[in-house]
Amino acid sequence: MTSLYASSDFAPLSPPPRLLMGPGPINCYPRVLTAMSTQLVGQYDPVMTGYMNDVMALYRQVFNTNNQQTLLIDGTSRAGIEAVLVSAIEPGDKVLVPVFGRFGHLLAEIAQRADAEVHTIEVPWGEVFKPEQIEEAIKRVQPKMLAVVQGDTSTTMLQPLADIGAICKAHDVLFYSDATASIGGNAFETDAWHLDAVSVGLQKCLGGPSGSAPVTMSDKFVELVRKRHHVEAGIRDAHHVDALGPRIRSNYFDLPMIMDYWGEERLNHHTEAASMLFCARECARVHLEEGQDAVIARHKVAGDAMLAGVQAMGLTPFGDLANKMNNVVGVVIPDGVHGEAVRETLLLRFNIEIGTSFGPLKGKIWRIGTMGYNAREDAVLHTLQSLETTLRMQGFAMPFGAGVDAALAVYNEASSNA
């Protein structure tokens, strides 16, 4: 068969040098890119299984947990969400989802697809829930699980979780959080906050690409999903027993089978995405070498500087700033300014990407991130200066250089207090 195309019709990869200052993905730490290019070894090579053990130990520290079952799901952050929900939920189980942005709706949809009886409570986008609102809903619904996003980049809001775990524990409710957009740039305490399951991705504050989803599971959660433990016929041995509960509907996202693969028995489930494992391992190493407190402080300073900069330019930040994530700020698009034209100019003339939002905020706000490798002074200043120039091109009046000056002031104060 004659091909319609020759290999010469396709140029080598050569993407432009974009500075990714949106809500994610972001530019990777250079060490992470290097780790991804590491040559492969076999999936049961003792070197490879040693790296898998490294990942488990490293992410226990990232999650601030002692959970033995801390591992990777091969797939984007959504794969981690789906693995947790489909493995825990049986048809008819009640799941409560507090929705304060797009990604709460995502948790609800995935739970619905797992045939849960899903109940939602909502606050306007730009706000978060108070603990008593969640407790009242738990008392009313009596769910098996509470599923909540910590940081929702669609609104830039950070849901406080510290008081919710005790509420769930008092009412015997599983407590799950998707912390993809927030972990690494904001405090996250799995054990101290009594979380039963957490899933995240790498493409935000952890400074990697999308494609691997670290998860951690409490002993209580593991005991629950282990009741549905199933071993495939082709690898089953005499000592394996049938599940007590109904089989998990997804083979790929079956957490008990994945735990078998990562555990001492090393039962074959899939071929581990080795390059992504190398990448996830390096993300954790970079994070922990800098120190968790230092990384969070760096994200806070970068976020504060970006916020001060946009305010000094006469722009209005979106939402309840008392509950804003450190790593992303929402900016209300001013009247008379074409929001998408600004984004296009920033991208094509300045090589800077910022985001818009979804649903009721689509076309109404920009989302400007300061995450991972890009949570640094030069990236913040370059973005503010380029945004100012772009807005001037549209006739938006503002003080010259005010955004950069305000951001510099935040950095100078942080430096003097260090």
Protein backbone atom coordinates (compact mmCIF):
# COMPACT_ATOMS: atom_id res chain seq x y z
CA MET A 1 0.00 0.00 0.00
CA THR A 2 1.38 3.40 -0.96
CA SER A 3 1.42 5.95 1.83
CA LEU A 4 -0.27 9.29 1.22
CA TYR A 5 2.48 10.98 3.19
CA ALA A 6 6.25 10.79 3.36
CA SER A 7 8.07 11.22 6.66
CA SER A 8 9.64 14.35 5.18
CA ASP A 9 6.15 15.92 5.10
CA PHE A 10 6.27 16.15 8.89
CA ALA A 11 8.76 18.48 10.50
CA PRO A 12 10.64 17.47 13.65
CA LEU A 13 9.07 18.59 16.88
CA SER A 14 9.95 22.22 17.51
CA PRO A 15 7.27 23.93 19.60
CA PRO A 16 7.64 27.66 20.28
CA PRO A 17 9.19 28.70 23.61
CA ARG A 18 5.91 29.41 25.36
CA LEU A 19 5.78 30.65 28.95
CA LEU A 20 2.75 28.82 30.34
CA MET A 21 1.18 31.21 32.84
CA GLY A 22 -2.34 29.85 32.68
CA PRO A 23 -4.15 27.50 35.07
CA GLY A 24 -2.08 24.52 33.88
CA PRO A 25 -0.33 22.76 32.36
CA ILE A 26 2.83 24.69 33.09
CA ASN A 27 6.46 24.52 31.94
CA CYS A 28 8.19 21.54 33.54
CA TYR A 29 11.17 21.73 35.84
CA PRO A 30 14.24 21.03 33.65
CA ARG A 31 15.23 18.08 35.85
CA VAL A 32 11.82 16.52 35.23
CA LEU A 33 12.28 16.76 31.46
CA THR A 34 15.67 15.09 31.81
CA ALA A 35 14.19 12.29 33.91
CA MET A 36 11.55 11.61 31.27
CA SER A 37 14.23 10.92 28.68
CA THR A 38 15.80 8.14 30.76
CA GLN A 39 16.17 4.81 28.95
CA LEU A 40 13.63 2.11 29.84
CA VAL A 41 14.12 -1.08 31.82
CA GLY A 42 11.74 -4.02 32.07
CA GLN A 43 8.68 -3.63 34.26
CA TYR A 44 9.84 -6.35 36.67
CA ASP A 45 13.51 -5.45 36.60
CA PRO A 46 14.56 -4.96 40.23
CA VAL A 47 15.73 -1.49 39.28
CA MET A 48 12.24 -0.65 38.02
CA THR A 49 10.43 -2.10 41.02
CA GLY A 50 12.92 -0.22 43.18
CA TYR A 51 11.91 3.00 41.47
CA MET A 52 8.27 2.12 42.09
CA ASN A 53 9.05 1.72 45.78
CA ASP A 54 10.87 5.07 45.69
CA VAL A 55 7.76 6.72 44.26
CA MET A 56 5.58 5.29 47.03
CA ALA A 57 7.95 6.60 49.72
CA LEU A 58 8.39 10.01 48.07
CA TYR A 59 4.68 10.65 47.61
CA ARG A 60 3.91 9.70 51.19
CA GLN A 61 5.96 12.78 52.04
CA VAL A 62 4.30 14.90 49.34
CA PHE A 63 0.85 13.90 50.64
CA ASN A 64 1.98 14.13 54.30
CA THR A 65 0.72 10.66 55.08
CA ASN A 66 1.80 7.30 56.45
CA ASN A 67 -0.54 5.46 54.06
CA GLN A 68 1.13 2.33 52.71
CA GLN A 69 -1.07 2.44 49.60
CA THR A 70 0.40 5.50 47.93
CA LEU A 71 1.08 4.94 44.24
CA LEU A 72 0.55 6.14 40.68
CA ILE A 73 -2.38 5.68 38.32
CA ASP A 74 -1.18 5.73 34.71
CA GLY A 75 -3.21 8.50 33.12
CA THR A 76 -4.03 12.14 33.62
CA SER A 77 -5.34 13.49 36.92
CA ARG A 78 -8.84 12.51 35.80
CA ALA A 79 -7.66 8.88 35.76
CA GLY A 80 -6.86 9.19 39.46
CA ILE A 81 -10.31 10.61 40.17
CA GLU A 82 -11.99 7.82 38.25
CA ALA A 83 -9.91 5.10 39.91
CA VAL A 84 -10.86 6.30 43.39
CA LEU A 85 -14.55 6.76 42.64
CA VAL A 86 -15.21 3.65 40.53
CA SER A 87 -13.34 1.44 43.02
CA ALA A 88 -15.20 2.73 46.08
CA ILE A 89 -18.70 3.31 44.72
CA GLU A 90 -21.21 0.51 44.31
CA PRO A 91 -24.50 1.12 42.46
CA GLY A 92 -26.90 3.08 44.62
CA ASP A 93 -24.29 4.40 47.06
CA LYS A 94 -24.92 7.97 48.14
CA VAL A 95 -22.16 10.45 47.29
CA LEU A 96 -22.20 14.09 48.37
CA VAL A 97 -20.32 16.60 46.20
CA PRO A 98 -19.96 20.26 47.24
CA VAL A 99 -19.74 22.19 43.95
CA PHE A 100 -18.03 25.58 43.80
CA GLY A 101 -16.69 25.37 40.24
CA ARG A 102 -16.34 23.24 37.14
CA PHE A 103 -14.42 20.42 38.76
CA GLY A 104 -17.02 19.74 41.43
CA HIS A 105 -19.39 19.07 38.54
CA LEU A 106 -16.76 16.67 37.17
CA LEU A 107 -16.65 14.68 40.43
CA ALA A 108 -20.43 14.48 40.37
CA GLU A 109 -20.50 13.24 36.79
CA ILE A 110 -17.91 10.53 37.36
CA ALA A 111 -19.78 9.37 40.46
CA GLN A 112 -23.03 9.30 38.45
CA ARG A 113 -21.33 7.18 35.79
CA ALA A 114 -20.42 4.75 38.58
CA ASP A 115 -24.17 4.54 39.32
CA ALA A 116 -23.99 6.43 42.58
CA GLU A 117 -26.92 8.35 43.95
CA VAL A 118 -25.25 11.75 43.74
CA HIS A 119 -26.29 14.71 45.85
CA THR A 120 -24.77 18.15 45.31
CA ILE A 121 -24.72 21.38 47.24
CA GLU A 122 -23.59 24.57 45.54
CA VAL A 123 -22.30 28.05 46.27
CA PRO A 124 -21.80 30.78 43.66
CA TRP A 125 -18.56 30.50 41.68
CA GLY A 126 -16.01 32.61 43.51
CA GLU A 127 -17.04 31.39 46.98
CA VAL A 128 -16.26 28.31 49.08
CA PHE A 129 -18.18 26.29 51.67
CA LYS A 130 -18.18 26.73 55.41
CA PRO A 131 -17.80 23.51 57.45
CA GLU A 132 -21.31 23.84 58.87
CA GLN A 133 -22.80 23.90 55.36
CA ILE A 134 -21.10 20.59 54.58
CA GLU A 135 -22.03 19.05 57.93
CA GLU A 136 -25.69 20.00 57.47
CA ALA A 137 -25.70 18.31 54.06
CA ILE A 138 -23.99 15.21 55.45
CA LYS A 139 -26.63 14.91 58.17
CA ARG A 140 -29.39 15.32 55.61
CA VAL A 141 -28.04 13.03 52.86
CA GLN A 142 -26.14 10.46 54.98
CA PRO A 143 -23.72 9.67 52.16
CA LYS A 144 -21.16 6.91 51.92
CA MET A 145 -18.61 9.40 50.59
CA LEU A 146 -17.93 13.11 50.53
CA ALA A 147 -16.04 14.03 47.34
CA VAL A 148 -14.64 17.55 47.16
CA VAL A 149 -12.10 19.48 45.12
CA GLN A 150 -9.55 21.37 47.22
CA GLY A 151 -8.46 23.91 44.62
CA ASP A 152 -10.74 24.56 41.63
CA THR A 153 -8.83 26.41 38.94
CA SER A 154 -12.04 27.34 37.14
CA THR A 155 -12.75 29.82 39.96
CA THR A 156 -9.23 30.05 41.51
CA MET A 157 -10.77 29.24 44.90
CA LEU A 158 -9.27 26.99 47.60
CA GLN A 159 -11.78 25.05 49.71
CA PRO A 160 -10.59 24.79 53.35
CA LEU A 161 -10.46 21.12 54.33
CA ALA A 162 -8.95 21.13 57.81
CA ASP A 163 -12.28 20.94 59.67
CA ILE A 164 -14.11 18.65 57.26
CA GLY A 165 -12.29 15.42 58.07
CA ALA A 166 -13.45 15.41 61.68
CA ILE A 167 -17.03 15.96 60.47
CA CYS A 168 -16.76 13.00 58.09
CA LYS A 169 -15.20 10.85 60.77
CA ALA A 170 -18.00 11.68 63.23
CA HIS A 171 -20.63 10.64 60.68
CA ASP A 172 -18.71 7.60 59.30
CA VAL A 173 -18.37 9.12 55.83
CA LEU A 174 -15.44 8.46 53.49
CA PHE A 175 -13.56 11.70 52.79
CA TYR A 176 -12.03 12.06 49.31
CA SER A 177 -10.41 15.10 47.73
CA ASP A 178 -9.05 15.88 44.30
CA ALA A 179 -6.10 18.21 45.01
CA THR A 180 -4.63 18.30 41.50
CA ALA A 181 -4.61 22.07 41.14
CA SER A 182 -3.54 22.90 44.67
CA ILE A 183 -1.06 20.37 46.07
CA GLY A 184 2.51 21.63 46.16
CA GLY A 185 1.52 25.30 46.15
CA ASN A 186 -0.85 25.20 49.12
CA ALA A 187 -0.83 23.27 52.37
CA PHE A 188 -2.21 19.73 52.16
CA GLU A 189 -2.24 17.38 55.17
CA THR A 190 -3.71 13.98 54.33
CA ASP A 191 -3.42 12.38 57.76
CA ALA A 192 -3.96 15.47 59.92
CA TRP A 193 -7.13 16.31 57.99
CA HIS A 194 -8.42 12.70 58.18
CA LEU A 195 -8.65 12.14 54.43
CA ASP A 196 -9.43 8.61 53.21
CA ALA A 197 -8.38 9.08 49.59
CA VAL A 198 -6.62 11.78 47.61
CA SER A 199 -5.77 12.01 43.92
CA VAL A 200 -3.66 14.59 42.14
CA GLY A 201 -1.83 15.30 38.89
CA LEU A 202 1.65 16.57 38.10
CA GLN A 203 0.89 19.43 35.71
CA LYS A 204 0.30 22.22 38.23
CA CYS A 205 2.44 23.08 41.25
CA LEU A 206 4.40 19.80 41.14
CA GLY A 207 6.05 21.00 37.93
CA GLY A 208 5.58 18.04 35.61
CA PRO A 209 3.47 17.15 32.56
CA SER A 210 0.01 15.68 32.61
CA GLY A 211 -0.06 11.90 32.37
CA SER A 212 0.46 10.41 35.83
CA ALA A 213 -1.92 10.61 38.79
CA PRO A 214 -0.48 10.04 42.28
CA VAL A 215 -3.07 8.71 44.74
CA THR A 216 -3.02 7.82 48.41
CA MET A 217 -5.52 5.68 50.33
CA SER A 218 -6.15 5.26 54.04
CA ASP A 219 -6.37 1.83 55.66
CA LYS A 220 -10.14 2.32 55.97
CA PHE A 221 -10.46 3.03 52.26
CA VAL A 222 -8.22 0.08 51.34
CA GLU A 223 -10.26 -2.28 53.52
CA LEU A 224 -13.43 -1.11 51.78
CA VAL A 225 -12.20 -1.57 48.20
CA ARG A 226 -10.38 -4.81 49.03
CA LYS A 227 -13.79 -6.40 49.63
CA ARG A 228 -14.22 -6.13 45.85
CA HIS A 229 -10.78 -7.62 45.16
CA HIS A 230 -10.64 -9.65 41.96
CA VAL A 231 -7.78 -11.47 40.26
CA GLU A 232 -7.96 -12.06 36.50
CA ALA A 233 -8.26 -15.65 35.39
CA GLY A 234 -5.05 -15.59 33.38
CA ILE A 235 -2.87 -14.78 36.39
CA ARG A 236 -4.88 -16.33 39.22
CA ASP A 237 -3.16 -18.82 41.52
CA ALA A 238 -4.65 -21.32 43.96
CA HIS A 239 -4.36 -18.98 46.96
CA HIS A 240 -6.43 -16.23 45.34
CA VAL A 241 -10.05 -16.00 46.47
CA ASP A 242 -13.14 -14.43 44.96
CA ALA A 243 -14.30 -10.97 45.95
CA LEU A 244 -16.86 -10.59 48.73
CA GLY A 245 -18.48 -7.59 47.04
CA PRO A 246 -19.45 -6.83 43.45
CA ARG A 247 -16.63 -6.64 40.93
CA ILE A 248 -15.32 -3.17 40.19
CA ARG A 249 -16.71 -2.22 36.79
CA SER A 250 -13.47 -0.88 35.37
CA ASN A 251 -10.56 -3.24 34.83
CA TYR A 252 -7.99 -0.52 34.20
CA PHE A 253 -9.03 1.61 37.19
CA ASP A 254 -9.49 -1.32 39.61
CA LEU A 255 -7.51 -0.11 42.63
CA PRO A 256 -7.22 -3.52 44.37
CA MET A 257 -5.65 -4.98 41.19
CA ILE A 258 -3.36 -1.95 40.88
CA MET A 259 -2.35 -2.41 44.53
CA ASP A 260 -1.46 -6.02 43.71
CA TYR A 261 0.78 -4.73 40.90
CA TRP A 262 2.54 -2.23 43.16
CA GLY A 263 2.66 -4.64 46.13
CA GLU A 264 4.97 -7.51 47.01
CA GLU A 265 3.14 -10.02 44.80
CA ARG A 266 3.70 -7.83 41.70
CA LEU A 267 0.68 -9.35 39.95
CA ASN A 268 0.61 -8.20 36.35
CA HIS A 269 -2.06 -5.60 35.66
CA HIS A 270 -0.70 -3.26 32.99
CA THR A 271 2.73 -2.23 31.80
CA GLU A 272 3.73 0.69 33.97
CA ALA A 273 4.26 3.94 32.06
CA ALA A 274 7.94 4.01 32.91
CA SER A 275 8.78 7.44 31.53
CA MET A 276 5.92 8.99 33.49
CA LEU A 277 7.02 7.13 36.61
CA PHE A 278 10.54 8.54 36.18
CA CYS A 279 8.95 11.96 35.73
CA ALA A 280 6.69 11.64 38.80
CA ARG A 281 9.65 10.47 40.86
CA GLU A 282 11.67 13.54 39.87
CA CYS A 283 8.75 15.91 40.52
CA ALA A 284 8.63 14.64 44.10
CA ARG A 285 12.42 14.81 44.48
CA VAL A 286 12.51 18.43 43.29
CA HIS A 287 9.62 19.33 45.59
CA LEU A 288 11.08 17.67 48.68
CA GLU A 289 14.65 18.87 48.10
CA GLU A 290 13.46 22.48 48.08
CA GLY A 291 11.33 21.70 51.14
CA GLN A 292 7.56 21.72 51.29
CA ASP A 293 7.33 24.89 53.38
CA ALA A 294 9.74 26.66 51.03
CA VAL A 295 7.83 25.57 47.93
CA ILE A 296 4.51 26.76 49.35
CA ALA A 297 6.10 30.05 50.42
CA ARG A 298 7.51 30.54 46.90
CA HIS A 299 4.08 29.96 45.40
CA LYS A 300 2.50 32.37 47.87
CA VAL A 301 4.97 35.14 47.10
CA ALA A 302 4.55 34.64 43.35
CA GLY A 303 0.76 34.61 43.69
CA ASP A 304 0.76 37.67 45.92
CA ALA A 305 3.03 39.51 43.48
CA MET A 306 0.79 38.65 40.53
CA LEU A 307 -2.30 39.73 42.47
CA ALA A 308 -0.69 43.03 43.52
CA GLY A 309 0.43 43.61 39.95
CA VAL A 310 -2.98 43.19 38.34
CA GLN A 311 -4.61 45.33 41.03
CA ALA A 312 -2.06 48.11 40.50
CA MET A 313 -2.89 48.03 36.79
CA GLY A 314 -6.50 48.87 37.60
CA LEU A 315 -7.79 45.35 37.04
CA THR A 316 -10.27 43.66 39.37
CA PRO A 317 -9.45 40.23 40.83
CA PHE A 318 -12.23 37.65 40.84
CA GLY A 319 -13.75 35.91 43.82
CA ASP A 320 -13.24 35.80 47.57
CA LEU A 321 -9.56 36.67 47.91
CA ALA A 322 -9.47 35.29 51.43
CA ASN A 323 -9.92 31.82 49.88
CA LYS A 324 -7.86 32.24 46.71
CA MET A 325 -5.30 29.60 45.78
CA ASN A 326 -1.69 30.76 46.09
CA ASN A 327 -0.96 29.62 42.56
CA VAL A 328 -3.60 31.21 40.33
CA VAL A 329 -5.49 34.50 40.22
CA GLY A 330 -8.72 35.26 38.41
CA VAL A 331 -8.91 38.66 36.70
CA VAL A 332 -12.20 40.20 35.60
CA ILE A 333 -11.94 41.18 31.93
CA PRO A 334 -12.60 44.94 31.82
CA ASP A 335 -15.50 46.40 29.86
CA GLY A 336 -14.40 47.37 26.39
CA VAL A 337 -11.52 44.90 26.34
CA HIS A 338 -11.68 41.89 24.01
CA GLY A 339 -10.53 39.10 26.31
CA GLU A 340 -9.69 36.54 23.63
CA ALA A 341 -7.78 39.12 21.58
CA VAL A 342 -5.64 39.84 24.63
CA ARG A 343 -4.93 36.14 25.10
CA GLU A 344 -4.10 35.74 21.41
CA THR A 345 -1.69 38.68 21.42
CA LEU A 346 0.03 37.45 24.55
CA LEU A 347 0.42 34.00 22.99
CA LEU A 348 1.47 34.88 19.46
CA ARG A 349 3.52 38.04 20.07
CA PHE A 350 4.87 37.53 23.59
CA ASN A 351 4.86 33.70 23.78
CA ILE A 352 2.86 33.81 27.02
CA GLU A 353 -0.23 31.69 27.64
CA ILE A 354 -2.93 32.69 30.10
CA GLY A 355 -6.36 31.09 30.41
CA THR A 356 -10.00 32.04 30.36
CA SER A 357 -12.55 29.96 32.28
CA PHE A 358 -15.62 27.77 31.84
CA GLY A 359 -19.38 27.86 32.26
CA PRO A 360 -20.69 31.08 33.83
CA LEU A 361 -17.16 32.56 33.81
CA LYS A 362 -16.33 31.79 30.18
CA GLY A 363 -15.09 34.94 28.52
CA LYS A 364 -15.57 36.91 31.75
CA ILE A 365 -12.28 36.31 33.54
CA TRP A 366 -8.67 35.50 32.74
CA ARG A 367 -6.86 32.98 34.89
CA ILE A 368 -3.17 33.69 35.42
CA GLY A 369 -1.13 30.96 37.08
CA THR A 370 2.15 31.03 38.96
CA MET A 371 2.90 27.34 39.39
CA GLY A 372 5.83 25.01 39.80
CA TYR A 373 8.81 26.09 37.72
CA ASN A 374 6.95 29.27 36.73
CA ALA A 375 6.38 30.44 40.31
CA ARG A 376 9.39 32.70 40.03
CA GLU A 377 10.05 36.43 39.90
CA ASP A 378 11.12 36.84 36.28
CA ALA A 379 8.07 34.93 35.00
CA VAL A 380 5.72 37.10 37.06
CA LEU A 381 7.34 40.35 35.97
CA HIS A 382 7.51 39.38 32.31
CA THR A 383 3.84 38.39 32.31
CA LEU A 384 2.71 41.62 33.98
CA GLN A 385 4.76 43.79 31.62
CA SER A 386 3.48 41.94 28.57
CA LEU A 387 -0.12 42.12 29.80
CA GLU A 388 0.23 45.87 30.33
CA THR A 389 1.57 46.38 26.81
CA THR A 390 -1.18 44.22 25.33
CA LEU A 391 -3.91 46.09 27.20
CA ARG A 392 -2.48 49.42 26.04
CA MET A 393 -2.73 48.15 22.48
CA GLN A 394 -6.49 47.84 23.08
CA GLY A 395 -6.71 51.36 24.52
CA PHE A 396 -7.00 50.38 28.17
CA ALA A 397 -5.57 53.21 30.27
CA MET A 398 -3.38 52.47 33.30
CA PRO A 399 -0.36 53.90 35.13
CA PHE A 400 2.88 53.08 33.30
CA GLY A 401 4.78 50.24 34.95
CA ALA A 402 2.50 50.10 37.98
CA GLY A 403 1.95 46.35 37.76
CA VAL A 404 5.63 45.49 37.67
CA ASP A 405 6.40 47.99 40.43
CA ALA A 406 3.74 46.50 42.69
CA ALA A 407 5.00 42.97 42.08
CA LEU A 408 8.60 44.05 42.75
CA ALA A 409 7.47 45.56 46.03
CA VAL A 410 6.00 42.19 47.11
CA TYR A 411 9.23 40.39 46.19
CA ASN A 412 11.36 43.02 47.94
CA GLU A 413 9.30 42.72 51.12
CA ALA A 414 9.50 38.92 51.02
CA SER A 415 13.27 39.13 50.57
CA SER A 416 13.68 41.53 53.49
CA ASN A 417 11.60 39.25 55.73
CA ALA A 418 13.46 36.09 54.74
